[in-house]
Protein backbone atom coordinates (compact mmCIF):
# COMPACT_ATOMS: atom_id res chain seq x y z
CA MET A 1 0.00 0.00 0.00
CA PRO A 2 1.40 3.49 -0.81
CA GLU A 3 3.07 5.35 2.03
CA ASN A 4 0.47 8.12 2.07
CA SER A 5 -2.47 5.74 2.33
CA THR A 6 -4.93 6.27 5.14
CA ASN A 7 -4.08 2.84 6.67
CA THR A 8 -0.29 3.22 7.10
CA PRO A 9 1.05 3.01 10.67
CA GLN A 10 2.35 6.58 10.43
CA ASN A 11 -1.07 7.93 9.50
CA ALA A 12 -2.81 5.77 12.10
CA ALA A 13 -0.59 7.20 14.84
CA ARG A 14 -1.09 10.74 13.61
CA ASN A 15 -4.87 10.30 13.46
CA ALA A 16 -4.89 8.86 16.99
CA GLN A 17 -3.17 12.02 18.23
CA LEU A 18 -5.60 14.23 16.34
CA THR A 19 -8.67 12.46 17.71
CA ALA A 20 -7.58 12.83 21.34
CA GLN A 21 -8.62 16.50 21.50
CA LEU A 22 -11.51 16.43 19.04
CA SER A 23 -14.77 18.02 20.09
CA VAL A 24 -17.87 16.34 18.67
CA LEU A 25 -21.52 17.42 18.58
CA VAL A 26 -23.98 14.55 18.11
CA VAL A 27 -27.38 15.68 16.79
CA ASP A 28 -30.02 12.99 17.26
CA PRO A 29 -33.46 12.98 18.95
CA LYS A 30 -33.21 9.42 20.31
CA PRO A 31 -31.40 8.83 23.64
CA GLY A 32 -30.45 5.28 22.70
CA ILE A 33 -28.80 6.33 19.46
CA ARG A 34 -26.94 9.17 21.22
CA ALA A 35 -25.59 6.72 23.79
CA ASN A 36 -24.58 4.25 21.08
CA LEU A 37 -22.73 6.96 19.13
CA GLN A 38 -20.96 8.10 22.29
CA ASN A 39 -19.75 4.53 22.88
CA MET A 40 -18.48 4.31 19.28
CA LEU A 41 -16.66 7.62 19.64
CA ASN A 42 -15.15 6.59 22.96
CA GLN A 43 -13.81 3.43 21.30
CA ALA A 44 -12.08 5.71 18.78
CA GLY A 45 -10.46 7.70 21.61
CA ILE A 46 -12.86 10.65 21.35
CA THR A 47 -14.20 11.70 24.75
CA ARG A 48 -15.21 15.35 24.28
CA VAL A 49 -18.76 14.62 23.11
CA GLU A 50 -21.81 16.86 23.50
CA PHE A 51 -25.38 16.38 22.32
CA ALA A 52 -28.27 18.21 20.67
CA VAL A 53 -31.72 16.66 20.45
CA ASN A 54 -32.94 18.68 17.46
CA ALA A 55 -31.88 21.27 14.89
CA GLY A 56 -32.83 24.27 17.02
CA THR A 57 -30.68 23.09 19.91
CA ALA A 58 -27.81 22.38 17.51
CA VAL A 59 -27.97 25.90 16.06
CA LYS A 60 -27.82 27.44 19.55
CA GLN A 61 -24.85 25.30 20.53
CA LEU A 62 -22.97 25.98 17.28
CA ALA A 63 -23.62 29.70 17.61
CA ARG A 64 -22.04 29.56 21.07
CA LYS A 65 -18.92 27.52 20.25
CA PRO A 66 -17.33 25.59 17.37
CA TYR A 67 -17.00 21.81 17.15
CA ASP A 68 -14.49 19.81 15.14
CA VAL A 69 -16.99 17.15 14.09
CA ILE A 70 -20.80 17.20 13.80
CA LEU A 71 -22.50 13.81 13.56
CA CYS A 72 -26.06 14.53 12.48
CA GLU A 73 -28.99 12.18 12.04
CA TYR A 74 -30.92 12.95 8.86
CA ASP A 75 -34.36 12.32 10.39
CA LEU A 76 -34.54 14.72 13.33
CA GLY A 77 -38.32 14.59 13.65
CA GLY A 78 -38.07 12.37 16.69
CA PRO A 79 -40.68 9.99 18.14
CA ASN A 80 -43.24 12.78 18.60
CA ALA A 81 -43.05 14.13 15.07
CA GLY A 82 -46.29 14.39 13.18
CA ALA A 83 -47.15 12.92 9.81
CA GLY A 84 -44.58 13.77 7.19
CA GLY A 85 -41.85 14.29 9.79
CA GLN A 86 -42.90 17.86 10.56
CA GLY A 87 -41.82 17.70 14.21
CA GLY A 88 -38.73 19.75 13.40
CA GLN A 89 -36.04 20.38 10.81
CA ASP A 90 -34.27 17.41 9.28
CA GLY A 91 -30.50 17.14 8.98
CA GLN A 92 -30.45 18.51 5.44
CA GLN A 93 -32.37 21.63 6.46
CA LEU A 94 -30.07 22.10 9.44
CA LEU A 95 -26.98 21.86 7.23
CA GLU A 96 -28.50 24.34 4.78
CA ASP A 97 -29.03 26.86 7.61
CA LEU A 98 -25.52 26.31 8.99
CA ARG A 99 -23.92 26.88 5.58
CA ARG A 100 -26.10 29.86 4.66
CA HIS A 101 -25.56 31.67 7.96
CA LYS A 102 -21.89 30.66 8.29
CA LEU A 103 -22.29 28.95 11.67
CA ILE A 104 -19.70 26.29 10.85
CA ALA A 105 -16.17 26.89 9.60
CA PRO A 106 -15.05 25.56 6.20
CA TRP A 107 -12.92 23.00 8.02
CA ALA A 108 -15.68 21.68 10.28
CA ILE A 109 -16.39 18.00 9.63
CA PHE A 110 -20.13 17.40 9.10
CA ILE A 111 -21.12 13.75 8.72
CA MET A 112 -24.73 12.87 7.93
CA LEU A 113 -26.04 9.62 9.42
CA THR A 114 -29.16 8.09 7.93
CA ALA A 115 -31.08 5.00 7.00
CA GLU A 116 -33.07 7.06 4.49
CA GLY A 117 -33.29 5.28 1.16
CA SER A 118 -35.37 7.88 -0.62
CA ARG A 119 -33.37 9.10 -3.60
CA ASP A 120 -34.57 12.70 -3.60
CA LYS A 121 -33.63 13.21 0.07
CA VAL A 122 -30.20 11.66 -0.43
CA VAL A 123 -29.57 13.98 -3.36
CA SER A 124 -30.72 17.00 -1.35
CA ALA A 125 -28.34 16.25 1.49
CA ALA A 126 -25.42 15.39 -0.77
CA GLU A 127 -25.67 18.59 -2.81
CA LEU A 128 -25.04 20.66 0.34
CA ALA A 129 -21.63 18.98 0.56
CA PRO A 130 -21.51 17.26 3.94
CA THR A 131 -18.00 15.96 4.59
CA ASP A 132 -19.36 12.43 4.43
CA TYR A 133 -22.65 10.56 4.24
CA VAL A 134 -22.89 7.30 6.24
CA LEU A 135 -25.74 4.89 5.69
CA LYS A 136 -27.03 2.93 8.68
CA PRO A 137 -26.44 0.41 10.08
CA PHE A 138 -22.70 0.97 10.52
CA THR A 139 -20.05 -0.26 12.95
CA ALA A 140 -17.71 1.64 15.24
CA GLY A 141 -14.91 0.71 12.87
CA ILE A 142 -16.66 2.25 9.88
CA LEU A 143 -17.39 5.47 11.77
CA GLN A 144 -13.79 5.67 13.00
CA GLN A 145 -12.54 5.11 9.45
CA ARG A 146 -14.72 7.89 8.05
CA ILE A 147 -13.68 10.35 10.75
CA ALA A 148 -10.00 9.44 10.24
CA ARG A 149 -10.33 10.03 6.49
CA ALA A 150 -11.96 13.40 7.07
CA LEU A 151 -9.27 14.36 9.60
CA GLU A 152 -6.51 13.58 7.15
CA ARG A 153 -8.04 15.80 4.50
CA ARG A 154 -8.70 18.55 7.03
CA ALA A 155 -5.12 18.44 8.31
CA ALA A 156 -3.84 18.87 4.76
CA LEU A 157 -6.06 21.82 3.90
CA LEU A 158 -6.33 23.51 7.31
CA PRO A 159 -3.36 25.91 6.90
CA ALA A 160 -4.75 27.19 3.59
CA TRP A 161 -8.31 27.41 4.97
CA GLN A 162 -7.11 29.43 7.95
CA LEU A 163 -5.06 31.80 5.80
CA ALA A 164 -8.10 32.26 3.56
CA GLN A 165 -9.95 33.95 6.42
CA GLY A 166 -7.80 37.09 6.24
CA GLN A 167 -4.84 36.52 3.94
CA PRO A 168 -6.22 35.18 0.67
CA ARG A 169 -2.99 35.80 -1.27
CA ALA A 170 -1.01 33.77 1.23
CA ALA A 171 -3.74 31.12 1.12
CA ILE A 172 -3.40 30.86 -2.66
CA GLN A 173 0.34 30.25 -2.30
CA ALA A 174 -0.36 27.72 0.45
CA CYS A 175 -2.64 25.86 -1.97
CA ILE A 176 0.09 25.79 -4.62
CA ASP A 177 2.66 24.54 -2.09
CA GLY A 178 0.20 22.07 -0.56
CA ALA A 179 -0.66 20.49 -3.91
CA ARG A 180 3.05 19.90 -4.57
CA ALA A 181 3.71 18.47 -1.11
CA GLN A 182 0.54 16.34 -0.96
CA PRO A 183 -0.54 15.54 -4.52
CA ARG A 184 -3.22 13.23 -3.15
CA PHE A 185 -5.24 16.36 -2.31
CA ALA A 186 -4.24 18.32 -5.42
CA PHE A 187 -7.83 18.72 -6.62
CA ASP A 188 -8.96 19.95 -3.19
CA PHE A 189 -6.19 22.55 -3.19
CA ALA A 190 -7.04 23.58 -6.75
CA ARG A 191 -10.68 24.04 -5.86
CA LEU A 192 -9.87 26.26 -2.88
CA ARG A 193 -7.36 28.24 -4.95
CA ALA A 194 -9.91 28.93 -7.68
CA GLU A 195 -12.52 29.97 -5.09
CA LEU A 196 -10.01 32.36 -3.54
CA HIS A 197 -9.34 33.97 -6.92
CA ALA A 198 -13.08 34.34 -7.41
CA SER A 199 -13.46 35.96 -3.97
CA LEU A 200 -10.73 38.42 -4.94
CA LYS A 201 -12.72 39.26 -8.10
CA GLU A 202 -10.15 37.62 -10.34
CA PRO A 203 -12.39 35.47 -12.54
CA ARG A 204 -9.78 35.04 -15.27
CA GLU A 205 -7.34 33.47 -12.81
CA ALA A 206 -10.14 31.29 -11.40
CA GLU A 207 -11.04 30.22 -14.95
CA ARG A 208 -7.45 29.20 -15.62
CA VAL A 209 -7.37 26.97 -12.52
CA TYR A 210 -10.69 25.35 -13.36
CA ARG A 211 -9.54 24.65 -16.93
CA GLU A 212 -6.35 23.02 -15.60
CA VAL A 213 -8.45 20.71 -13.40
CA LEU A 214 -10.82 19.84 -16.25
CA ALA A 215 -7.86 19.01 -18.50
CA ALA A 216 -6.82 16.41 -15.92
CA LYS A 217 -10.25 15.08 -14.95
CA PRO A 218 -13.85 15.99 -15.91
CA LEU A 219 -15.05 16.94 -12.42
CA GLY A 220 -18.51 18.47 -12.09
CA TRP A 221 -17.49 21.11 -9.52
CA ALA A 222 -14.72 22.32 -11.83
CA GLY A 223 -17.12 22.71 -14.74
CA LEU A 224 -19.52 24.56 -12.48
CA GLY A 225 -16.71 26.81 -11.24
CA LEU A 226 -15.71 27.55 -14.82
CA ALA A 227 -19.27 28.60 -15.60
CA ARG A 228 -19.28 30.89 -12.55
CA ALA A 229 -16.05 32.49 -13.75
CA MET A 230 -17.65 33.08 -17.13
CA VAL A 231 -20.68 34.71 -15.51
CA ALA A 232 -18.37 36.95 -13.48
CA GLN A 233 -16.87 38.10 -16.80
CA GLU A 234 -20.40 38.70 -18.17
CA ARG A 235 -20.04 35.86 -20.70
CA ILE A 236 -23.62 34.80 -19.96
CA ASP A 237 -24.40 32.93 -23.19
CA GLU A 238 -21.15 30.97 -23.02
CA ALA A 239 -21.82 30.05 -19.40
CA ALA A 240 -25.38 28.95 -20.19
CA THR A 241 -24.17 26.65 -22.97
CA LEU A 242 -21.60 25.08 -20.66
CA LEU A 243 -24.18 24.61 -17.88
CA GLU A 244 -26.64 22.92 -20.22
CA ALA A 245 -23.90 20.47 -21.22
CA LEU A 246 -23.00 19.85 -17.57
CA ILE A 247 -26.62 19.09 -16.70
CA GLU A 248 -26.95 16.76 -19.66
CA ASP A 249 -23.84 14.83 -18.53
CA ASN A 250 -24.79 14.89 -14.84
CA PRO A 251 -28.49 15.61 -14.20
CA ARG A 252 -27.84 15.57 -10.43
CA LEU A 253 -25.35 18.45 -10.43
CA MET A 254 -27.93 20.57 -8.67
CA ALA A 255 -26.02 23.85 -8.37
CA ALA A 256 -25.73 23.91 -12.16
CA TYR A 257 -29.51 24.37 -12.40
CA ASP A 258 -29.34 27.32 -10.00
CA LEU A 259 -26.62 29.06 -11.97
CA LEU A 260 -28.33 28.34 -15.30
CA ALA A 261 -31.54 29.87 -13.93
CA SER A 262 -29.62 33.00 -12.94
CA CYS A 263 -28.25 33.18 -16.51
CA HIS A 264 -31.83 33.08 -17.83
CA GLU A 265 -32.77 35.82 -15.36
CA ALA A 266 -29.86 37.95 -16.58
CA ARG A 267 -31.39 37.67 -20.04
CA ALA A 268 -34.83 38.58 -18.58
CA ASP A 269 -36.17 35.14 -19.53
CA HIS A 270 -38.08 34.48 -16.31
CA ALA A 271 -40.17 31.68 -17.80
CA GLN A 272 -37.05 29.70 -18.75
CA ALA A 273 -35.52 30.40 -15.34
CA GLN A 274 -38.65 29.01 -13.73
CA LYS A 275 -38.56 25.92 -15.94
CA THR A 276 -34.92 25.28 -15.01
CA LEU A 277 -35.52 25.62 -11.27
CA ALA A 278 -38.65 23.46 -11.47
CA ALA A 279 -36.56 20.71 -13.08
CA ALA A 280 -34.07 20.97 -10.21
CA VAL A 281 -36.82 20.84 -7.57
CA ALA A 282 -38.28 17.74 -9.22
CA ILE A 283 -34.95 15.99 -8.59
CA SER A 284 -34.06 17.55 -5.24
CA PRO A 285 -37.22 18.93 -3.63
CA HIS A 286 -35.97 19.58 -0.09
CA THR A 287 -33.61 22.55 -0.48
CA VAL A 288 -35.43 25.58 0.96
CA GLN A 289 -33.29 28.21 -0.73
CA ARG A 290 -34.05 26.79 -4.18
CA LEU A 291 -37.76 26.49 -3.42
CA ARG A 292 -37.77 30.14 -2.33
CA LYS A 293 -35.99 31.20 -5.52
CA LEU A 294 -38.44 29.20 -7.63
CA GLY A 295 -41.30 31.03 -5.94
CA GLU A 296 -39.70 34.41 -6.66
CA VAL A 297 -39.00 33.56 -10.30
CA ALA A 298 -42.51 32.18 -10.78
CA LEU A 299 -43.91 35.48 -9.50
CA GLU A 300 -41.76 37.36 -12.00
CA ALA A 301 -43.01 35.05 -14.75
CA GLY A 302 -46.65 35.61 -13.70
CA ASP A 303 -47.21 31.95 -12.76
CA HIS A 304 -48.99 32.53 -9.45
CA ALA A 305 -50.07 28.90 -9.02
CA ALA A 306 -46.46 27.68 -9.19
CA ALA A 307 -45.36 30.51 -6.90
CA GLU A 308 -48.01 29.51 -4.36
CA GLN A 309 -46.87 25.89 -4.41
CA SER A 310 -43.22 26.84 -3.88
CA PHE A 311 -43.82 29.37 -1.11
CA ARG A 312 -46.17 26.99 0.72
CA GLN A 313 -43.37 24.44 0.83
CA VAL A 314 -40.89 27.07 1.99
CA VAL A 315 -43.18 28.21 4.81
CA THR A 316 -43.81 24.61 5.87
CA ARG A 317 -40.17 23.53 5.76
CA SER A 318 -38.92 26.68 7.48
CA ARG A 319 -41.46 26.50 10.30
CA HIS A 320 -38.94 24.93 12.70
CA SER A 321 -35.88 26.86 11.50
CA GLU A 322 -34.13 29.30 13.81
CA PHE A 323 -33.84 31.57 10.74
CA ARG A 324 -37.42 31.54 9.48
CA SER A 325 -38.58 34.82 7.99
CA PRO A 326 -41.98 36.49 7.52
CA ALA A 327 -40.78 37.43 4.03
CA ASP A 328 -41.65 33.86 2.97
CA HIS A 329 -45.24 34.36 4.16
CA LEU A 330 -45.27 37.64 2.22
CA GLY A 331 -44.22 35.79 -0.92
CA LEU A 332 -47.08 33.33 -0.42
CA VAL A 333 -49.52 36.23 0.05
CA LYS A 334 -48.32 37.81 -3.22
CA ALA A 335 -48.92 34.52 -5.03
CA LEU A 336 -52.41 34.10 -3.57
CA VAL A 337 -53.39 37.68 -4.32
CA GLY A 338 -52.14 37.16 -7.86
CA LYS A 339 -54.45 34.14 -8.11
CA GLY A 340 -57.36 36.19 -6.78
CA ASP A 341 -57.58 34.22 -3.52
CA ALA A 342 -57.66 37.08 -1.01
CA LEU A 343 -59.37 34.94 1.63
CA SER A 344 -56.51 32.45 1.79
CA ALA A 345 -54.03 35.33 1.71
CA ALA A 346 -55.64 36.81 4.82
CA GLY A 347 -55.26 33.43 6.53
CA VAL A 348 -51.55 33.37 5.69
CA ILE A 349 -51.14 36.82 7.26
CA ARG A 350 -52.76 35.60 10.48
CA ASP A 351 -50.48 32.56 10.47
CA MET A 352 -47.46 34.84 9.97
CA GLU A 353 -48.38 36.95 12.98
CA ARG A 354 -48.97 33.87 15.15
CA ALA A 355 -45.84 32.01 14.06
CA LEU A 356 -43.39 34.94 14.20
CA PRO A 357 -44.64 37.35 16.85
CA GLY A 358 -41.17 38.33 18.02
CA ALA A 359 -39.49 38.88 14.65
CA PRO A 360 -38.78 42.61 14.15
CA GLU A 361 -39.77 42.46 10.49
CA THR A 362 -43.13 40.76 11.09
CA ALA A 363 -45.05 44.02 11.59
CA ALA A 364 -43.73 45.48 8.33
CA CYS A 365 -44.32 42.29 6.31
CA ALA A 366 -47.81 41.83 7.78
CA ALA A 367 -48.76 45.43 7.00
CA LEU A 368 -47.41 45.20 3.44
CA ALA A 369 -49.19 41.87 2.91
CA THR A 370 -52.44 43.34 4.25
CA ALA A 371 -52.05 46.29 1.88
CA LEU A 372 -51.84 43.83 -1.03
CA VAL A 373 -55.06 42.15 0.13
CA GLN A 374 -56.79 45.52 0.56
CA ASP A 375 -55.71 46.55 -2.93
CA ALA A 376 -57.07 43.32 -4.36
CA GLY A 377 -60.43 44.13 -2.76
CA GLY A 378 -60.47 47.64 -4.19
CA ASN A 379 -59.88 49.34 -0.86
CA ARG A 380 -57.10 51.74 -1.87
CA ALA A 381 -57.53 53.93 1.21
CA GLY A 382 -57.13 50.92 3.49
CA ALA A 383 -54.10 49.78 1.50
CA ALA A 384 -52.47 53.21 1.85
CA THR A 385 -53.04 53.12 5.60
CA GLN A 386 -51.38 49.71 5.83
CA LEU A 387 -48.42 50.88 3.75
CA LYS A 388 -47.89 53.80 6.12
CA GLN A 389 -47.92 51.33 9.01
CA ALA A 390 -45.30 49.23 7.22
CA VAL A 391 -43.09 52.30 6.78
CA ASP A 392 -43.60 53.17 10.45
CA ALA A 393 -42.45 49.66 11.39
CA VAL A 394 -39.28 50.08 9.33
CA ARG A 395 -38.76 53.56 10.76
CA GLY A 396 -39.04 52.10 14.25
CA GLY A 397 -36.11 49.78 13.67
CA GLY A 398 -37.69 46.86 11.86
CA THR A 399 -35.29 44.88 9.71
CA LEU A 400 -36.22 43.93 6.15
CA SER A 401 -34.35 42.30 3.31
CA GLY A 402 -33.44 44.42 0.32
CA GLY A 403 -36.07 42.67 -1.79
CA VAL A 404 -38.90 43.37 0.65
CA ARG A 405 -37.84 47.01 0.96
CA VAL A 406 -38.03 47.32 -2.83
CA ASP A 407 -41.52 45.75 -2.77
CA LEU A 408 -42.60 48.20 -0.09
CA ALA A 409 -41.24 51.20 -2.00
CA ARG A 410 -42.98 50.09 -5.21
CA ALA A 411 -46.28 49.69 -3.38
CA CYS A 412 -45.89 53.15 -1.86
CA LEU A 413 -45.25 54.63 -5.30
CA ALA A 414 -48.38 52.95 -6.64
CA HIS A 415 -50.32 54.84 -3.97
CA ARG A 416 -48.51 58.14 -4.53
CA LEU A 417 -46.80 57.89 -1.17
CA ASP A 418 -43.70 59.48 -2.67
CA ALA A 419 -42.03 60.64 0.54
CA GLU A 420 -42.49 57.20 2.13
CA ALA A 421 -41.05 55.42 -0.92
CA SER A 422 -38.00 57.69 -0.91
CA GLU A 423 -37.50 57.16 2.82
CA VAL A 424 -37.68 53.37 2.46
CA MET A 425 -35.13 53.34 -0.37
CA MET A 426 -32.76 55.70 1.40
CA ALA A 427 -32.88 53.52 4.50
CA ALA A 428 -32.32 50.40 2.38
CA LEU A 429 -28.83 51.47 1.34
CA GLY A 430 -26.18 49.73 3.34
CA THR A 431 -28.51 47.15 4.91
CA ALA A 432 -26.67 44.15 3.45
CA THR A 433 -26.32 41.06 5.65
CA PRO A 434 -24.50 37.73 5.08
CA ALA A 435 -27.79 36.27 3.84
CA ASP A 436 -28.98 39.27 1.83
CA ALA A 437 -27.13 41.47 -0.64
CA GLY A 438 -29.05 44.60 0.34
CA VAL A 439 -29.85 47.39 -2.14
CA SER A 440 -27.35 49.38 -4.18
CA ALA A 441 -27.73 53.04 -5.12
CA ARG A 442 -28.37 52.02 -8.73
CA GLN A 443 -31.10 49.56 -7.74
CA ALA A 444 -32.68 52.16 -5.47
CA THR A 445 -32.95 54.77 -8.23
CA GLU A 446 -34.20 52.16 -10.72
CA VAL A 447 -37.23 51.57 -8.50
CA PHE A 448 -38.39 55.11 -9.27
CA VAL A 449 -37.44 54.98 -12.95
CA ASP A 450 -39.36 51.72 -13.42
CA ALA A 451 -42.40 53.32 -11.74
CA GLY A 452 -42.33 56.16 -14.27
CA ARG A 453 -41.07 58.66 -11.71
CA PRO A 454 -37.71 59.93 -13.01
CA ASP A 455 -38.26 63.08 -10.96
CA LEU A 456 -38.07 61.05 -7.76
CA ALA A 457 -35.05 59.19 -9.08
CA GLU A 458 -33.29 62.51 -9.62
CA GLY A 459 -34.33 63.62 -6.16
CA MET A 460 -32.81 60.48 -4.66
CA VAL A 461 -29.58 61.03 -6.60
CA ARG A 462 -29.38 64.55 -5.18
CA GLN A 463 -29.97 63.22 -1.66
CA LEU A 464 -27.30 60.58 -2.12
CA ARG A 465 -24.81 63.16 -3.37
CA ALA A 466 -25.56 65.39 -0.39
CA GLN A 467 -25.10 62.45 2.00
CA ALA A 468 -21.83 61.56 0.27
CA GLN A 469 -20.56 65.14 0.69
CA ILE A 470 -21.38 65.02 4.39
CA LEU A 471 -19.50 61.74 4.72
CA LEU A 472 -16.49 63.22 2.89
CA GLY A 473 -16.39 65.91 5.56
CA VAL A 474 -16.70 63.32 8.32
CA ALA A 475 -13.82 61.36 6.76
CA ASP A 476 -11.64 64.50 6.71
CA GLU A 477 -12.32 65.09 10.39
CA LYS A 478 -11.46 61.51 11.30
CA ARG A 479 -8.28 61.60 9.23
CA ASN A 480 -7.16 64.88 10.88
CA MET A 481 -7.71 63.25 14.28
CA GLY A 482 -5.54 60.29 13.27
CA ASP A 483 -8.43 57.84 12.87
CA VAL A 484 -7.32 56.44 9.52
CA ARG A 485 -9.51 53.33 9.65
CA GLY A 486 -12.55 55.39 10.64
CA ALA A 487 -11.93 57.74 7.71
CA VAL A 488 -11.87 54.81 5.28
CA GLN A 489 -15.13 53.44 6.72
CA SER A 490 -16.83 56.80 6.18
CA LEU A 491 -15.49 56.91 2.63
CA LEU A 492 -16.83 53.40 1.97
CA GLU A 493 -20.28 54.59 3.10
CA ALA A 494 -19.94 57.57 0.78
CA LEU A 495 -19.05 55.27 -2.12
CA ASN A 496 -22.21 53.25 -1.47
CA MET A 497 -24.21 56.50 -1.64
CA ALA A 498 -22.50 57.77 -4.79
CA PRO A 499 -20.73 54.87 -6.56
CA ASN A 500 -19.70 56.84 -9.66
CA ASN A 501 -18.72 60.09 -7.95
CA LEU A 502 -15.13 60.88 -8.93
CA GLN A 503 -14.53 63.01 -5.86
CA VAL A 504 -15.58 60.16 -3.58
CA MET A 505 -13.59 57.58 -5.55
CA ILE A 506 -10.40 59.66 -5.48
CA ALA A 507 -10.80 60.32 -1.75
CA LEU A 508 -11.40 56.62 -1.05
CA VAL A 509 -8.32 55.49 -2.99
CA GLY A 510 -6.21 58.05 -1.14
CA GLY A 511 -7.66 56.95 2.21
CA ILE A 512 -7.05 53.26 1.53
CA LEU A 513 -3.46 53.91 0.46
CA ARG A 514 -2.79 55.90 3.62
CA GLN A 515 -4.18 53.08 5.76
CA VAL A 516 -2.16 50.46 3.88
CA ILE A 517 1.07 52.44 4.17
CA GLU A 518 0.59 53.13 7.89
CA MET A 519 -0.97 49.84 9.03
CA GLY A 520 -0.01 47.16 6.54
CA TRP A 521 -1.59 45.50 3.53
CA ASP A 522 -5.31 44.72 3.74
CA GLU A 523 -6.31 42.37 0.93
CA PRO A 524 -10.01 43.32 0.55
CA LEU A 525 -9.22 47.04 0.70
CA GLY A 526 -6.23 46.61 -1.60
CA GLY A 527 -8.40 44.86 -4.15
CA LEU A 528 -11.06 47.56 -3.88
CA CYS A 529 -8.38 50.20 -4.37
CA GLY A 530 -7.32 48.57 -7.63
CA GLU A 531 -10.91 48.32 -8.81
CA GLN A 532 -11.57 51.99 -8.07
CA LEU A 533 -8.41 53.07 -9.89
CA ALA A 534 -9.55 51.13 -12.96
CA HIS A 535 -13.00 52.69 -12.66
CA ILE A 536 -11.53 56.19 -12.39
CA ARG A 537 -9.40 55.58 -15.47
CA GLY A 538 -12.51 54.49 -17.36
CA LEU A 539 -14.44 57.59 -16.33
CA ASP A 540 -11.67 60.19 -16.59
CA PRO A 541 -8.30 58.88 -17.87
CA GLY A 542 -6.87 62.40 -17.70
CA HIS A 543 -7.77 63.06 -14.06
CA PRO A 544 -4.91 65.10 -12.54
CA ARG A 545 -4.51 62.79 -9.51
CA LEU A 546 -4.86 59.45 -11.28
CA ALA A 547 -1.23 58.86 -12.30
CA ALA A 548 0.13 59.69 -8.85
CA LEU A 549 -2.39 57.42 -7.12
CA GLU A 550 -1.64 54.54 -9.50
CA ALA A 551 2.09 54.94 -8.84
CA GLU A 552 1.46 54.98 -5.08
CA TYR A 553 -0.71 51.86 -5.37
CA LEU A 554 1.98 49.94 -7.28
CA ALA A 555 4.62 51.07 -4.79
CA ALA A 556 2.49 49.80 -1.91
CA LYS A 557 2.04 46.42 -3.61
CA ARG A 558 5.78 46.12 -4.18
CA LYS A 559 6.48 47.09 -0.58
CA TYR A 560 4.35 44.22 0.72
CA GLY A 561 5.40 41.70 -1.92
CA ILE A 562 2.04 41.65 -3.68
CA SER A 563 2.22 40.50 -7.29
CA THR A 564 1.73 43.36 -9.76
């Protein structure tokens, strides 16, 4: 057997040392199974074992502290679950939440345990990339072997993963060095390297890595990554053609359907996007995020019956999630109103208020949903009153996704509530979260243009420019007081308000360069600096400060050994 095989004495000894300090979270509703798994883990030398009886408990524990290994039962409904296993989230839904809300590190080992033979559920869990997937019944030896295999891979990639958290350039070099030192994991290192290039907004470099992998082996993830790199370079048609070929070769490459649907959306072909997502849901019907997207696309395509079906499933599946949102109920209301079923829509609103009484966005979503129902019944005055209540809820500190804020602003415009619409859009800027991209200045102004109100769009642009000027002054004050980082943060806010304002862009580049020179290289800011310089050159290649700033930028990169 080769020296680097998992079963060599050297690797066995190393894995025994690694397991001694492992922390493990077992997620299973049955006491007997938890005890059995603890015995198996103890036999493997793992003694730091904690337990969660359902998905909600697991989320709370993972939010409080990290674990090296998560052993999760697929069926978390437990003995008291109702028909259809609706007693709580299943393991797939838990993993989806953990990935989406970044509650587990990239190097956390997540092993799904199940006796589930249903093909669609297996596909749904597998597409979320658990570290491993173990079918029951299994022995202590099998579990130990799977954990040991996962530990070996984690040990190889951990240095690069850790560097990726704040030093992506160093992480890229670590991937190159790691692939040479441990060729067994060469594809894993290549995948991480390409993803790092993509995160640095270097799609051409990512494309090159993916093409190198594909030349060696036709791996689905590499083809998918190549398509993403094409999309990032706005080669939408080329990416769509590649994705169609990938799906034909591997109909269970689920993420390919999602990306292909986004390509159709980019071409404003909502019907084709809906068809693509529906095909994916037919194969893998348990991924909430895809069901939600299908509902949104169906609404755009005017297929209210399909939208209702999707949002009903989202609301049902999310009922036991720690991250459930009233926005899903709002989507269902929009679908029902579109179908002309105002009575059912009113019932959904009541369910929303009962199910999510403590969520800060519930009041706003319920008021907006009620306004839609009132409009459908011809009660425009009642609808306007509800819209004002929704705006009041947002004004009072309610949190809403960018998409719901846009919906609220559009509804206000339809009722000539111009001041309220402008207020909602102004407040929407800078509200991005890890799970929501927020609203950009361009998107905010487009809301008014699309509503046939270019006058309000111009008014918003003037407000944004005024806000940006105020922030420029704030940045100057911070810089004069020696608060270089604070000055850059104010300039970033100003850029969000006025993304094409040359004065703001020049000030931001200068602020970033001062911070870099005084405090060391910051990769995200350094990348943004380069992007802004390219943008400035595109807008005004003869700008009197451009050449000096470009020279200063290159000098800073040379100083810190960053490739130019």
